Amino acid sequence: MAATRTPYAHAPSSFTLIWLAISVPLVIWDCGYVLMRPRTMPGGDLHWPLWVPYELYGNVDHVYGWKAFNANNGFTGAQGLLNALETLMYIYYAAVYFASAKPVASLGGKKAVVGRQAAIAVVIAFAAAIMTLSKTVLYWLCEYYSGFDNIGHNSLQDLIFLWIIPNGAWLVAPTIIVYELGNELVDNIVGGSGTKRD
């Protein structure tokens, strides 16, 4: 029996597209703040109006405030640079989908990217989500192992609403994306990208 291969096809989940629509602009904003410090910090010429909310956040999380900046703490800048790389990877993934997706019969007419281009986009998005998740876990672990040096001064209410919930989103969403894309990759590796027998 000869084997015929159906091309690999990928369509992002609605969750992934919604998450990217929300997170990419926020991370670009965050990268701007972090990578242009101290000009974006309170008193800096770029602080108002775009980065004014970071005055509050820098008081909630000292990694983003003057404490870390004055201590020459490199973590803030390093994670900002990695954020920029991850964001470029997510933008590539979304751009491939929106520029190249076509209705695919095997997916019931759903728009998808097909072939090698789809596989590359999925691997890049999977890698970006793992980077985001790993970096966020590292961020939380740094706080734990430092005795909550940068956030321990907050009230429980402030900690929950201004640090745990916003930062928790960057644990939950990438985990979902890693799970979705990881399952898709494994299924297609094991299944031979839809190999069918005559």
N, C-alpha and C. Protein backbone atom coordinates (compact mmCIF):
# COMPACT_ATOMS: atom_id res chain seq x y z
N MET A 1 0.83 -1.20 0.00
CA MET A 1 0.00 0.00 0.00
C MET A 1 0.86 1.25 0.00
N ALA A 2 0.61 2.14 -0.89
CA ALA A 2 1.35 3.40 -0.93
C ALA A 2 0.73 4.37 0.06
N ALA A 3 1.59 5.13 0.70
CA ALA A 3 1.12 6.13 1.66
C ALA A 3 1.05 7.49 0.98
N THR A 4 -0.03 8.18 1.22
CA THR A 4 -0.13 9.56 0.72
C THR A 4 -0.17 10.48 1.93
N ARG A 5 0.44 11.60 1.76
CA ARG A 5 0.54 12.55 2.87
C ARG A 5 -0.38 13.73 2.62
N THR A 6 -1.16 14.05 3.61
CA THR A 6 -1.93 15.29 3.52
C THR A 6 -1.08 16.38 4.16
N PRO A 7 -1.05 17.54 3.58
CA PRO A 7 -0.21 18.60 4.15
C PRO A 7 -0.66 18.98 5.56
N TYR A 8 0.34 19.31 6.36
CA TYR A 8 0.07 19.79 7.71
C TYR A 8 -0.69 21.11 7.62
N ALA A 9 -1.74 21.24 8.40
CA ALA A 9 -2.53 22.48 8.41
C ALA A 9 -2.71 22.93 9.86
N HIS A 10 -2.59 24.23 10.07
CA HIS A 10 -2.73 24.76 11.43
C HIS A 10 -3.61 26.01 11.43
N ALA A 11 -4.52 26.03 12.39
CA ALA A 11 -5.34 27.22 12.66
C ALA A 11 -5.24 27.51 14.15
N PRO A 12 -4.90 28.74 14.52
CA PRO A 12 -4.82 29.06 15.95
C PRO A 12 -6.18 28.95 16.61
N SER A 13 -6.18 28.60 17.89
CA SER A 13 -7.44 28.59 18.63
C SER A 13 -7.91 30.02 18.83
N SER A 14 -9.20 30.17 19.08
CA SER A 14 -9.75 31.50 19.39
C SER A 14 -9.07 32.08 20.62
N PHE A 15 -8.80 31.21 21.61
CA PHE A 15 -8.12 31.66 22.83
C PHE A 15 -6.77 32.29 22.49
N THR A 16 -5.99 31.61 21.65
CA THR A 16 -4.66 32.11 21.29
C THR A 16 -4.75 33.46 20.60
N LEU A 17 -5.68 33.59 19.65
CA LEU A 17 -5.81 34.86 18.94
C LEU A 17 -6.24 36.00 19.87
N ILE A 18 -7.17 35.71 20.78
CA ILE A 18 -7.61 36.73 21.74
C ILE A 18 -6.46 37.12 22.67
N TRP A 19 -5.72 36.11 23.16
CA TRP A 19 -4.60 36.38 24.06
C TRP A 19 -3.55 37.24 23.36
N LEU A 20 -3.23 36.91 22.12
CA LEU A 20 -2.23 37.69 21.40
C LEU A 20 -2.71 39.13 21.16
N ALA A 21 -3.99 39.29 20.87
CA ALA A 21 -4.55 40.63 20.65
C ALA A 21 -4.45 41.49 21.91
N ILE A 22 -4.55 40.87 23.07
CA ILE A 22 -4.46 41.60 24.34
C ILE A 22 -3.00 41.75 24.77
N SER A 23 -2.26 40.66 24.73
CA SER A 23 -0.92 40.65 25.34
C SER A 23 0.14 41.34 24.51
N VAL A 24 0.10 41.22 23.19
CA VAL A 24 1.17 41.81 22.38
C VAL A 24 1.26 43.33 22.57
N PRO A 25 0.14 44.08 22.47
CA PRO A 25 0.26 45.53 22.72
C PRO A 25 0.73 45.86 24.15
N LEU A 26 0.25 45.08 25.14
CA LEU A 26 0.67 45.33 26.52
C LEU A 26 2.17 45.08 26.70
N VAL A 27 2.68 44.03 26.09
CA VAL A 27 4.10 43.72 26.24
C VAL A 27 4.96 44.73 25.48
N ILE A 28 4.50 45.20 24.34
CA ILE A 28 5.24 46.25 23.63
C ILE A 28 5.33 47.50 24.51
N TRP A 29 4.22 47.85 25.15
CA TRP A 29 4.18 48.99 26.08
C TRP A 29 5.17 48.77 27.23
N ASP A 30 5.14 47.56 27.79
CA ASP A 30 6.03 47.21 28.90
C ASP A 30 7.49 47.25 28.47
N CYS A 31 7.78 46.71 27.30
CA CYS A 31 9.17 46.73 26.79
C CYS A 31 9.66 48.16 26.62
N GLY A 32 8.79 49.03 26.12
CA GLY A 32 9.17 50.43 25.97
C GLY A 32 9.56 51.04 27.30
N TYR A 33 8.73 50.78 28.32
CA TYR A 33 9.03 51.31 29.65
C TYR A 33 10.37 50.79 30.17
N VAL A 34 10.53 49.47 30.12
CA VAL A 34 11.70 48.83 30.71
C VAL A 34 12.98 49.20 29.97
N LEU A 35 12.94 49.13 28.65
CA LEU A 35 14.17 49.30 27.88
C LEU A 35 14.58 50.76 27.69
N MET A 36 13.69 51.70 28.03
CA MET A 36 14.05 53.12 27.93
C MET A 36 14.18 53.79 29.30
N ARG A 37 14.23 52.98 30.38
CA ARG A 37 14.45 53.56 31.70
C ARG A 37 15.81 54.24 31.74
N PRO A 38 16.03 55.32 32.43
CA PRO A 38 15.12 56.00 33.36
C PRO A 38 14.22 57.05 32.70
N ARG A 39 14.34 57.22 31.38
CA ARG A 39 13.57 58.28 30.72
C ARG A 39 12.05 58.05 30.85
N THR A 40 11.64 56.78 30.98
CA THR A 40 10.21 56.46 31.09
C THR A 40 9.72 56.44 32.53
N MET A 41 10.63 56.59 33.47
CA MET A 41 10.28 56.52 34.89
C MET A 41 9.83 57.90 35.38
N PRO A 42 9.19 57.97 36.57
CA PRO A 42 8.76 59.26 37.10
C PRO A 42 9.91 60.27 37.10
N GLY A 43 9.62 61.45 36.54
CA GLY A 43 10.64 62.49 36.42
C GLY A 43 11.36 62.48 35.08
N GLY A 44 11.21 61.39 34.33
CA GLY A 44 11.85 61.29 33.03
C GLY A 44 11.06 62.01 31.95
N ASP A 45 11.74 62.41 30.89
CA ASP A 45 11.08 63.20 29.84
C ASP A 45 10.06 62.39 29.04
N LEU A 46 10.11 61.08 29.10
CA LEU A 46 9.15 60.24 28.37
C LEU A 46 8.06 59.65 29.27
N HIS A 47 8.13 59.94 30.55
CA HIS A 47 7.19 59.33 31.49
C HIS A 47 5.74 59.67 31.19
N TRP A 48 5.45 60.95 30.96
CA TRP A 48 4.08 61.40 30.73
C TRP A 48 3.84 61.50 29.24
N PRO A 49 2.72 61.08 28.72
CA PRO A 49 1.57 60.47 29.39
C PRO A 49 1.57 58.94 29.32
N LEU A 50 2.42 58.37 28.45
CA LEU A 50 2.30 56.95 28.11
C LEU A 50 2.62 56.00 29.26
N TRP A 51 3.62 56.35 30.06
CA TRP A 51 4.05 55.41 31.10
C TRP A 51 3.71 55.86 32.51
N VAL A 52 2.76 56.76 32.66
CA VAL A 52 2.33 57.23 33.99
C VAL A 52 1.87 56.07 34.89
N PRO A 53 1.13 55.06 34.37
CA PRO A 53 0.71 53.96 35.25
C PRO A 53 1.88 53.20 35.89
N TYR A 54 3.05 53.29 35.30
CA TYR A 54 4.20 52.59 35.88
C TYR A 54 4.70 53.24 37.16
N GLU A 55 4.28 54.46 37.44
CA GLU A 55 4.64 55.06 38.73
C GLU A 55 4.01 54.23 39.85
N LEU A 56 2.74 53.87 39.68
CA LEU A 56 2.07 53.00 40.66
C LEU A 56 2.71 51.61 40.66
N TYR A 57 2.89 51.05 39.47
CA TYR A 57 3.40 49.67 39.42
C TYR A 57 4.83 49.58 39.97
N GLY A 58 5.64 50.60 39.74
CA GLY A 58 7.00 50.60 40.30
C GLY A 58 7.02 50.66 41.81
N ASN A 59 5.92 51.17 42.40
CA ASN A 59 5.79 51.16 43.86
C ASN A 59 5.25 49.83 44.37
N VAL A 60 4.51 49.12 43.52
CA VAL A 60 3.99 47.80 43.88
C VAL A 60 5.10 46.76 43.73
N ASP A 61 5.78 46.79 42.59
CA ASP A 61 6.85 45.84 42.28
C ASP A 61 8.13 46.62 42.06
N HIS A 62 9.02 46.55 43.04
CA HIS A 62 10.23 47.36 42.98
C HIS A 62 11.18 46.96 41.86
N VAL A 63 10.98 45.79 41.25
CA VAL A 63 11.77 45.41 40.08
C VAL A 63 11.57 46.45 38.97
N TYR A 64 10.38 47.06 38.94
CA TYR A 64 10.04 48.06 37.93
C TYR A 64 10.29 49.49 38.40
N GLY A 65 10.69 49.65 39.64
CA GLY A 65 10.84 50.99 40.21
C GLY A 65 12.29 51.41 40.39
N TRP A 66 12.44 52.49 41.15
CA TRP A 66 13.77 53.07 41.35
C TRP A 66 14.68 52.17 42.16
N LYS A 67 14.13 51.35 43.06
CA LYS A 67 14.97 50.48 43.89
C LYS A 67 15.86 49.60 43.03
N ALA A 68 15.26 48.88 42.10
CA ALA A 68 16.03 47.97 41.23
C ALA A 68 16.91 48.77 40.28
N PHE A 69 16.40 49.88 39.76
CA PHE A 69 17.19 50.67 38.81
C PHE A 69 18.44 51.22 39.49
N ASN A 70 18.28 51.80 40.67
CA ASN A 70 19.42 52.37 41.39
C ASN A 70 20.41 51.32 41.86
N ALA A 71 19.94 50.09 42.05
CA ALA A 71 20.82 48.99 42.46
C ALA A 71 21.50 48.32 41.27
N ASN A 72 21.25 48.85 40.07
CA ASN A 72 21.78 48.24 38.84
C ASN A 72 21.38 46.78 38.72
N ASN A 73 20.15 46.48 39.13
CA ASN A 73 19.61 45.12 39.01
C ASN A 73 19.35 44.85 37.53
N GLY A 74 20.07 43.92 36.97
CA GLY A 74 19.97 43.64 35.55
C GLY A 74 18.78 42.81 35.14
N PHE A 75 18.07 42.24 36.11
CA PHE A 75 16.97 41.34 35.76
C PHE A 75 15.88 42.07 34.98
N THR A 76 15.55 43.29 35.38
CA THR A 76 14.46 44.01 34.73
C THR A 76 14.75 44.20 33.25
N GLY A 77 15.93 44.68 32.93
CA GLY A 77 16.30 44.90 31.54
C GLY A 77 16.41 43.60 30.77
N ALA A 78 16.98 42.57 31.41
CA ALA A 78 17.14 41.28 30.74
C ALA A 78 15.79 40.67 30.39
N GLN A 79 14.84 40.73 31.33
CA GLN A 79 13.52 40.17 31.03
C GLN A 79 12.80 41.04 30.01
N GLY A 80 13.06 42.35 30.00
CA GLY A 80 12.47 43.22 28.99
C GLY A 80 12.96 42.88 27.59
N LEU A 81 14.25 42.59 27.47
CA LEU A 81 14.81 42.20 26.18
C LEU A 81 14.24 40.86 25.71
N LEU A 82 14.10 39.91 26.63
CA LEU A 82 13.47 38.63 26.27
C LEU A 82 12.00 38.83 25.90
N ASN A 83 11.31 39.74 26.60
CA ASN A 83 9.93 40.06 26.22
C ASN A 83 9.85 40.55 24.79
N ALA A 84 10.81 41.38 24.40
CA ALA A 84 10.83 41.91 23.03
C ALA A 84 11.00 40.78 22.02
N LEU A 85 11.91 39.84 22.31
CA LEU A 85 12.13 38.71 21.42
C LEU A 85 10.87 37.83 21.31
N GLU A 86 10.28 37.52 22.45
CA GLU A 86 9.05 36.72 22.45
C GLU A 86 7.95 37.41 21.65
N THR A 87 7.83 38.71 21.82
CA THR A 87 6.79 39.46 21.11
C THR A 87 7.00 39.41 19.61
N LEU A 88 8.24 39.53 19.16
CA LEU A 88 8.53 39.39 17.73
C LEU A 88 8.14 38.01 17.22
N MET A 89 8.36 37.00 18.05
CA MET A 89 7.99 35.63 17.67
C MET A 89 6.47 35.49 17.55
N TYR A 90 5.75 36.07 18.51
CA TYR A 90 4.28 36.03 18.46
C TYR A 90 3.75 36.81 17.25
N ILE A 91 4.37 37.95 16.96
CA ILE A 91 3.94 38.75 15.81
C ILE A 91 4.17 37.97 14.52
N TYR A 92 5.30 37.28 14.42
CA TYR A 92 5.57 36.45 13.24
C TYR A 92 4.47 35.39 13.07
N TYR A 93 4.14 34.71 14.15
CA TYR A 93 3.12 33.66 14.13
C TYR A 93 1.78 34.23 13.65
N ALA A 94 1.37 35.34 14.23
CA ALA A 94 0.09 35.95 13.85
C ALA A 94 0.13 36.45 12.40
N ALA A 95 1.26 37.04 12.00
CA ALA A 95 1.39 37.56 10.64
C ALA A 95 1.29 36.44 9.61
N VAL A 96 1.92 35.31 9.90
CA VAL A 96 1.83 34.16 8.99
C VAL A 96 0.38 33.72 8.84
N TYR A 97 -0.32 33.64 9.97
CA TYR A 97 -1.72 33.21 9.91
C TYR A 97 -2.57 34.19 9.11
N PHE A 98 -2.50 35.46 9.45
CA PHE A 98 -3.38 36.44 8.80
C PHE A 98 -3.01 36.69 7.34
N ALA A 99 -1.75 36.49 6.99
CA ALA A 99 -1.33 36.73 5.61
C ALA A 99 -1.52 35.50 4.72
N SER A 100 -1.48 34.31 5.31
CA SER A 100 -1.42 33.10 4.47
C SER A 100 -2.55 32.10 4.66
N ALA A 101 -3.39 32.29 5.66
CA ALA A 101 -4.46 31.31 5.93
C ALA A 101 -5.47 31.27 4.79
N LYS A 102 -5.85 30.05 4.44
CA LYS A 102 -6.85 29.81 3.40
C LYS A 102 -7.81 28.74 3.90
N PRO A 103 -9.02 28.71 3.39
CA PRO A 103 -9.94 27.64 3.79
C PRO A 103 -9.35 26.26 3.44
N VAL A 104 -9.42 25.35 4.40
CA VAL A 104 -8.86 24.01 4.22
C VAL A 104 -10.00 22.99 4.33
N ALA A 105 -10.18 22.21 3.28
CA ALA A 105 -11.29 21.25 3.22
C ALA A 105 -11.23 20.24 4.36
N SER A 106 -10.02 19.75 4.69
CA SER A 106 -9.90 18.73 5.74
C SER A 106 -10.25 19.28 7.12
N LEU A 107 -10.33 20.60 7.25
CA LEU A 107 -10.73 21.23 8.51
C LEU A 107 -12.14 21.81 8.42
N GLY A 108 -12.91 21.30 7.48
CA GLY A 108 -14.28 21.76 7.32
C GLY A 108 -14.38 23.18 6.78
N GLY A 109 -13.39 23.58 6.01
CA GLY A 109 -13.40 24.92 5.43
C GLY A 109 -12.83 25.99 6.33
N LYS A 110 -12.37 25.61 7.53
CA LYS A 110 -11.79 26.58 8.45
C LYS A 110 -10.49 27.13 7.84
N LYS A 111 -10.24 28.43 8.06
CA LYS A 111 -9.02 29.03 7.55
C LYS A 111 -7.82 28.53 8.33
N ALA A 112 -6.79 28.14 7.58
CA ALA A 112 -5.57 27.60 8.20
C ALA A 112 -4.37 27.90 7.32
N VAL A 113 -3.21 27.80 7.93
CA VAL A 113 -1.95 27.88 7.20
C VAL A 113 -1.53 26.44 6.94
N VAL A 114 -0.94 26.20 5.78
CA VAL A 114 -0.67 24.82 5.36
C VAL A 114 0.81 24.63 5.07
N GLY A 115 1.28 23.39 5.33
CA GLY A 115 2.62 22.97 4.93
C GLY A 115 3.72 23.44 5.86
N ARG A 116 4.91 23.54 5.28
CA ARG A 116 6.11 23.90 6.05
C ARG A 116 5.94 25.25 6.75
N GLN A 117 5.34 26.20 6.08
CA GLN A 117 5.13 27.52 6.67
C GLN A 117 4.31 27.41 7.96
N ALA A 118 3.30 26.57 7.96
CA ALA A 118 2.48 26.35 9.16
C ALA A 118 3.31 25.72 10.26
N ALA A 119 4.11 24.72 9.90
CA ALA A 119 4.93 24.02 10.90
C ALA A 119 5.92 24.98 11.55
N ILE A 120 6.57 25.81 10.74
CA ILE A 120 7.54 26.78 11.28
C ILE A 120 6.83 27.76 12.22
N ALA A 121 5.68 28.26 11.81
CA ALA A 121 4.94 29.21 12.65
C ALA A 121 4.55 28.58 13.99
N VAL A 122 4.11 27.33 13.96
CA VAL A 122 3.71 26.65 15.20
C VAL A 122 4.91 26.43 16.11
N VAL A 123 6.03 26.00 15.55
CA VAL A 123 7.23 25.79 16.37
C VAL A 123 7.67 27.11 17.00
N ILE A 124 7.62 28.20 16.25
CA ILE A 124 8.01 29.51 16.78
C ILE A 124 7.05 29.94 17.89
N ALA A 125 5.76 29.78 17.69
CA ALA A 125 4.79 30.17 18.72
C ALA A 125 4.93 29.29 19.96
N PHE A 126 5.17 28.00 19.76
CA PHE A 126 5.37 27.08 20.88
C PHE A 126 6.60 27.49 21.69
N ALA A 127 7.69 27.79 20.98
CA ALA A 127 8.91 28.22 21.67
C ALA A 127 8.69 29.53 22.41
N ALA A 128 7.99 30.46 21.79
CA ALA A 128 7.71 31.75 22.45
C ALA A 128 6.88 31.55 23.71
N ALA A 129 5.87 30.68 23.64
CA ALA A 129 5.02 30.44 24.82
C ALA A 129 5.82 29.78 25.94
N ILE A 130 6.72 28.87 25.60
CA ILE A 130 7.58 28.25 26.62
C ILE A 130 8.49 29.31 27.23
N MET A 131 9.03 30.19 26.39
CA MET A 131 9.88 31.27 26.91
C MET A 131 9.10 32.16 27.87
N THR A 132 7.89 32.55 27.47
CA THR A 132 7.06 33.42 28.32
C THR A 132 6.76 32.74 29.64
N LEU A 133 6.34 31.49 29.58
CA LEU A 133 5.99 30.75 30.79
C LEU A 133 7.21 30.58 31.69
N SER A 134 8.33 30.17 31.13
CA SER A 134 9.55 29.94 31.93
C SER A 134 10.03 31.22 32.59
N LYS A 135 10.01 32.31 31.83
CA LYS A 135 10.46 33.59 32.37
C LYS A 135 9.54 34.06 33.49
N THR A 136 8.24 33.85 33.33
CA THR A 136 7.29 34.26 34.36
C THR A 136 7.46 33.43 35.62
N VAL A 137 7.66 32.12 35.46
CA VAL A 137 7.93 31.27 36.62
C VAL A 137 9.20 31.73 37.32
N LEU A 138 10.23 32.03 36.54
CA LEU A 138 11.48 32.53 37.12
C LEU A 138 11.25 33.82 37.89
N TYR A 139 10.44 34.71 37.35
CA TYR A 139 10.12 35.99 38.00
C TYR A 139 9.50 35.74 39.38
N TRP A 140 8.51 34.81 39.42
CA TRP A 140 7.85 34.49 40.68
C TRP A 140 8.83 33.81 41.64
N LEU A 141 9.66 32.92 41.13
CA LEU A 141 10.62 32.23 42.00
C LEU A 141 11.67 33.19 42.56
N CYS A 142 12.07 34.18 41.78
CA CYS A 142 13.01 35.19 42.29
C CYS A 142 12.41 35.89 43.51
N GLU A 143 11.12 36.19 43.44
CA GLU A 143 10.46 36.82 44.58
C GLU A 143 10.44 35.88 45.79
N TYR A 144 10.10 34.64 45.55
CA TYR A 144 10.04 33.67 46.66
C TYR A 144 11.41 33.52 47.32
N TYR A 145 12.44 33.30 46.51
CA TYR A 145 13.76 33.02 47.07
C TYR A 145 14.47 34.27 47.60
N SER A 146 13.93 35.46 47.31
CA SER A 146 14.50 36.67 47.89
C SER A 146 13.72 37.11 49.12
N GLY A 147 12.78 36.27 49.57
CA GLY A 147 11.95 36.65 50.72
C GLY A 147 10.95 37.72 50.35
N PHE A 148 10.52 37.71 49.09
CA PHE A 148 9.56 38.70 48.56
C PHE A 148 10.09 40.13 48.72
N ASP A 149 11.37 40.27 48.39
CA ASP A 149 12.08 41.54 48.55
C ASP A 149 11.44 42.69 47.79
N ASN A 150 10.88 42.43 46.61
CA ASN A 150 10.36 43.51 45.78
C ASN A 150 8.85 43.72 45.88
N ILE A 151 8.14 42.75 46.47
CA ILE A 151 6.68 42.88 46.55
C ILE A 151 6.14 42.68 47.96
N GLY A 152 6.98 42.29 48.90
CA GLY A 152 6.53 41.96 50.26
C GLY A 152 6.00 43.13 51.06
N HIS A 153 6.23 44.33 50.63
CA HIS A 153 5.79 45.53 51.34
C HIS A 153 4.31 45.85 51.09
N ASN A 154 3.69 45.18 50.12
CA ASN A 154 2.30 45.48 49.72
C ASN A 154 1.29 44.90 50.70
N SER A 155 0.12 45.54 50.78
CA SER A 155 -0.99 44.94 51.51
C SER A 155 -1.45 43.72 50.72
N LEU A 156 -2.17 42.82 51.36
CA LEU A 156 -2.66 41.62 50.68
C LEU A 156 -3.56 42.00 49.51
N GLN A 157 -4.41 42.99 49.71
CA GLN A 157 -5.32 43.41 48.64
C GLN A 157 -4.54 43.94 47.43
N ASP A 158 -3.56 44.81 47.69
CA ASP A 158 -2.74 45.33 46.59
C ASP A 158 -1.97 44.21 45.91
N LEU A 159 -1.44 43.31 46.70
CA LEU A 159 -0.68 42.19 46.14
C LEU A 159 -1.55 41.35 45.21
N ILE A 160 -2.76 41.06 45.64
CA ILE A 160 -3.67 40.23 44.83
C ILE A 160 -4.08 40.95 43.56
N PHE A 161 -4.53 42.20 43.69
CA PHE A 161 -5.10 42.89 42.53
C PHE A 161 -4.08 43.59 41.63
N LEU A 162 -2.93 43.93 42.18
CA LEU A 162 -1.95 44.68 41.38
C LEU A 162 -0.72 43.86 40.99
N TRP A 163 -0.58 42.64 41.55
CA TRP A 163 0.58 41.83 41.19
C TRP A 163 0.19 40.40 40.83
N ILE A 164 -0.52 39.69 41.71
CA ILE A 164 -0.81 38.27 41.47
C ILE A 164 -1.73 38.08 40.27
N ILE A 165 -2.84 38.79 40.22
CA ILE A 165 -3.78 38.60 39.10
C ILE A 165 -3.16 39.04 37.77
N PRO A 166 -2.59 40.26 37.68
CA PRO A 166 -2.01 40.63 36.38
C PRO A 166 -0.86 39.72 35.95
N ASN A 167 0.03 39.40 36.87
CA ASN A 167 1.16 38.54 36.52
C ASN A 167 0.74 37.08 36.35
N GLY A 168 -0.30 36.68 37.06
CA GLY A 168 -0.81 35.32 36.93
C GLY A 168 -1.33 35.02 35.53
N ALA A 169 -1.83 36.05 34.86
CA ALA A 169 -2.31 35.86 33.48
C ALA A 169 -1.18 35.35 32.60
N TRP A 170 0.06 35.78 32.88
CA TRP A 170 1.21 35.35 32.08
C TRP A 170 1.72 33.97 32.51
N LEU A 171 1.10 33.38 33.51
CA LEU A 171 1.32 31.96 33.81
C LEU A 171 0.25 31.10 33.14
N VAL A 172 -1.00 31.55 33.25
CA VAL A 172 -2.13 30.75 32.76
C VAL A 172 -2.18 30.71 31.24
N ALA A 173 -2.16 31.85 30.58
CA ALA A 173 -2.32 31.88 29.12
C ALA A 173 -1.21 31.14 28.39
N PRO A 174 0.07 31.38 28.70
CA PRO A 174 1.11 30.60 28.01
C PRO A 174 1.01 29.10 28.28
N THR A 175 0.57 28.72 29.49
CA THR A 175 0.40 27.30 29.78
C THR A 175 -0.64 26.69 28.85
N ILE A 176 -1.74 27.38 28.65
CA ILE A 176 -2.79 26.89 27.73
C ILE A 176 -2.24 26.78 26.32
N ILE A 177 -1.50 27.79 25.87
CA ILE A 177 -0.95 27.78 24.51
C ILE A 177 0.08 26.67 24.34
N VAL A 178 0.95 26.48 25.34
CA VAL A 178 1.92 25.38 25.29
C VAL A 178 1.19 24.05 25.20
N TYR A 179 0.14 23.89 25.98
CA TYR A 179 -0.64 22.65 25.96
C TYR A 179 -1.27 22.42 24.59
N GLU A 180 -1.92 23.45 24.06
CA GLU A 180 -2.59 23.32 22.76
C GLU A 180 -1.60 23.02 21.64
N LEU A 181 -0.57 23.84 21.53
CA LEU A 181 0.39 23.67 20.44
C LEU A 181 1.24 22.42 20.64
N GLY A 182 1.58 22.13 21.88
CA GLY A 182 2.36 20.91 22.17
C GLY A 182 1.60 19.66 21.76
N ASN A 183 0.32 19.61 22.10
CA ASN A 183 -0.50 18.46 21.69
C ASN A 183 -0.58 18.34 20.18
N GLU A 184 -0.75 19.47 19.52
CA GLU A 184 -0.83 19.47 18.06
C GLU A 184 0.48 18.96 17.44
N LEU A 185 1.60 19.44 17.96
CA LEU A 185 2.90 19.00 17.45
C LEU A 185 3.10 17.50 17.66
N VAL A 186 2.81 17.04 18.88
CA VAL A 186 2.98 15.61 19.17
C VAL A 186 2.06 14.76 18.30
N ASP A 187 0.79 15.16 18.19
CA ASP A 187 -0.15 14.40 17.36
C ASP A 187 0.34 14.30 15.92
N ASN A 188 0.91 15.37 15.40
CA ASN A 188 1.36 15.36 14.02
C ASN A 188 2.68 14.64 13.84
N ILE A 189 3.52 14.63 14.86
CA ILE A 189 4.75 13.84 14.78
C ILE A 189 4.41 12.35 14.81
N VAL A 190 3.56 11.99 15.76
CA VAL A 190 3.16 10.58 15.90
C VAL A 190 2.34 10.13 14.70
N GLY A 191 1.45 11.00 14.22
CA GLY A 191 0.58 10.64 13.10
C GLY A 191 1.16 10.88 11.74
N GLY A 192 2.38 11.41 11.67
CA GLY A 192 3.01 11.65 10.38
C GLY A 192 2.31 12.70 9.56
N SER A 193 1.86 13.78 10.22
CA SER A 193 1.20 14.89 9.53
C SER A 193 0.05 14.42 8.67
N GLY A 194 -0.78 13.58 9.24
CA GLY A 194 -1.98 13.16 8.51
C GLY A 194 -1.72 12.13 7.43
N THR A 195 -0.75 11.24 7.67
CA THR A 195 -0.48 10.19 6.67
C THR A 195 -1.71 9.32 6.51
N LYS A 196 -2.09 9.06 5.28
CA LYS A 196 -3.24 8.19 4.99
C LYS A 196 -2.77 7.06 4.11
N ARG A 197 -3.30 5.88 4.34
CA ARG A 197 -2.97 4.69 3.54
C ARG A 197 -4.03 4.48 2.48
N ASP A 198 -3.58 4.13 1.27
CA ASP A 198 -4.52 3.82 0.19
C ASP A 198 -5.17 2.47 0.42
